[in-house]
Each structure stands twice: as C-alpha cells, then as structure tokens.
Amino acid sequence: MNRDPAPRVIVAPQSFKGSADAVAVASAIARGIRRAWPSVRIEEMPLADGGEGTVRALVTATKGGLRRSRVHDPLGREIDAEWGVLGDGVTAVVEMASASGLPLLMPSERDPRITSTRGTGELILAAAASGAHRIVIGIGGSATNDGGAGMARAFGYRFLDRSGNELPEGGAALALLGRIDGQTDPRLVRPSIEVACDVRNPLLGPEGASAIYGPQKGATPEMVRELDLALARYADVVEAFVGRSIRDVPGAGAAGGLGAGLLAFLDARLVSGAELVLRAVGFAERIAGADLVVTGEGRVDQQSGYGKLTGAVTAAARRAGVPVVAIAGSLGAGHETLGLDAIAVASEGVPIAQAMREPLPLIERAAESLVRARPAPTH
C-alpha cells in the first residue's frame, strides 16, 4: 500500500518521434495532470527505445548525470558526443546515434561504403574509463554499414588486407580483409555490456544489414550488393578470429552489422530495448504502490504490444496491479489489444501537420482531459 499522504502518479512516455523527445513529453503530460489533480504527486520517468534520445531519457529518469566526450563522426570529423551515467553511479549509457548516427550527416554525405562506427567505439571506451560496471548501448539510427569494424579499431584492433596493409574505414573496404590483429583495450574487460536491440535481422542476405537498412543510409542496389559481399568476407575473418559464429545471431544485422561487432569484440548481450530500458530505470520497483501509470507514444497500434515500450510499460503496470492509461499522437488498428484502461489522442480535431509542429500543448491538453474523466486517486 502506498503510505505517502499524496496519491502518486508515474508518467512514463517515450518520444513522439519526429515531434518531441521523451523528456519534453513527460513534462507536458505532468503539467496536464496537475491542472486536473493539483494535489497528486507526479514522478516523471521519460523512456526511450535505444535510438536518439536514449541517454537523456535514462539519465533524467534515474537522476543521473550527462557527460561529453570528443569522438569522430561517421566521416572521421571530430565532434563532442553526449553519454551519461545513471543514478546508480555504476551504469553508463551510450547511444550510437550521437557518434555514428544518420542525423550527423547531410543527405549528400550519406554513403555506407565509407562511414564508420569508430566514434561509437570511442564513446564506449569513455564510458568504460569512467569506472562503469555496466554499459548500456542504444544502437538505433546508425549511418554505418561496417559491421562494427570502426568501433573495434577504437578498441585497438587492426584490420589488414592480405599484404598486411591497414584497410580504410567503412563497409566497402572489408571486401579486402585478410586478417585482424590486436586485442581489446583492458578497460573493456570489467564492465558487462548490454545492447538495446529490437531487430532480429541476421548480418547477411536478403534480410541482412545491407539489404534492409542500407538504402535508408544512401545505398543504391549496386552498393547493397557490394556491402553484403564485403560483410560476408568480414564475417568469415571475424568468426575465425573470435572462434565462434556471429553472422546468424538474431540482431547481428542491427545498425549496419554493429550488432555482430558487439557480439564479436565485446561479448555483449543483445536484449529487447524495452526490457533493457525498464530494467535500467528500475521500473518494476518504482511503480510499486503507485496509483496510476501514464504512458504515451506518437502512434499506438497493434505493434506497440510486440516488444515495444508502450506494451512493456502496460504489461509491467498490469503485473503490479496499477491502472495504466496512455496519451497517443494517433491511433492505429489493434490499439485495443494492449489492455490500456484509457487512451487520449493528442491530435484529435487538429490537422496532423499542426500536431507535429506544436505537439506539447496538445499532449498537455489530452493528459488533462484524460485524468479529468477519472476519479482522482485518494488514500
């Protein structure tokens, strides 16, 4: 039983993609609830799925701290990238999007034959050097297709052709890979590495990294074939080097094959993004005894229940016996299968372009109307 004098509401949305980040969405929902229920105590717990915004969401949700490190972007230019330490002081969180992400490149610069994950490796090293016992890595939004070779270079590995010459960065050069030299940086031995990975694609073939995700990174059909062949060569050499198969592990093809690289060079665990995030913020423990959970995302539909955050939040609230409601940007088929107690649609009665441009007042209004329709929790 919740013994606090004021009833307690947990606000745990994810971003409304392309519109507002999770931190801003949580604040808007909280403002709306306070207008309807002024005496209720609200805990904002913004969530994310492993892509852009994961670091800020998890740091905010756990009252941790942000850090910045100098790394290389996908084309080798120096940038400052953000990462974080969670409130427990021993878990670091990194998102590849901040170092190797598509938004870092202009459309004319996108070329997965030459883009590299080196910056992601540098971020992981910075997190390990901080003394973290655990590193959580979000791998959504990549601009790369190098199988994590650039990341491994940052750790101290060398990728050589058959003549012993160092290969250039990028996915295409891996077609000439002859051997790998080196061993991992000793600072990476201690921390456990968990990766938020919601895709199940293998590394190679028609469902692999190059074919499925290459085109959105600038790959033509000819480039896709070139990159898939290069990753096949890479898989042969890497598997011989580490002594185990990684190409067909579900998720190996995530983030241009970074999933495979994380398995091979860090012995990382690829886990559901929703599961990882909820565990990282201690969701089950923090909602115990709450009176209501309010979640939300840009579109709630049947897919929201399949390993996605909204479905995972709803299931966790149900297990804890806490009522759960949602604010949605829009609704799609199958939303009723999630088992939510109620849903309010922020864009209702508003042109979708306007809703995308100015989402926060609409989210705030939807939250207020949603809770006004319910009796305020009392003890």
Foldseek 3Di string as FASTA:
>chain_A
DDPDQAFEEEEEAAEQPLFGGQVLLQVLLVLLACVQPVRHHYQYQYAYQLAPRHQVRQQNLQVWDKDWDWFAEQQGDTDIFIWTAGNVRQETEEELCRHFAPVVDDLVPQDQQATASLRVLVVVVVSLVSNHQAYEYRYPGGLYQQLCPNSVVNQPKFFAFPVRHGFHHGQLSLLRTDAMDDAGRPSLPRHAYEYAFAFFAFCADCRAQLNPPVVVRPDDPVNSVSSRSSVVSVQVRLCVVQVHHQRNGGRCRGNNRPNSVCCRRRVHHYDHSLVVRCVSSVVLVVCQPHAEYEYEYAEAEQVCCVSHNVLVNLVSCVVNVHAYEYEYCYYDYHNVVSVHPYYFHLCPPHPSVVCSHDVSNSSSNRSNVVCSVDPRDRD
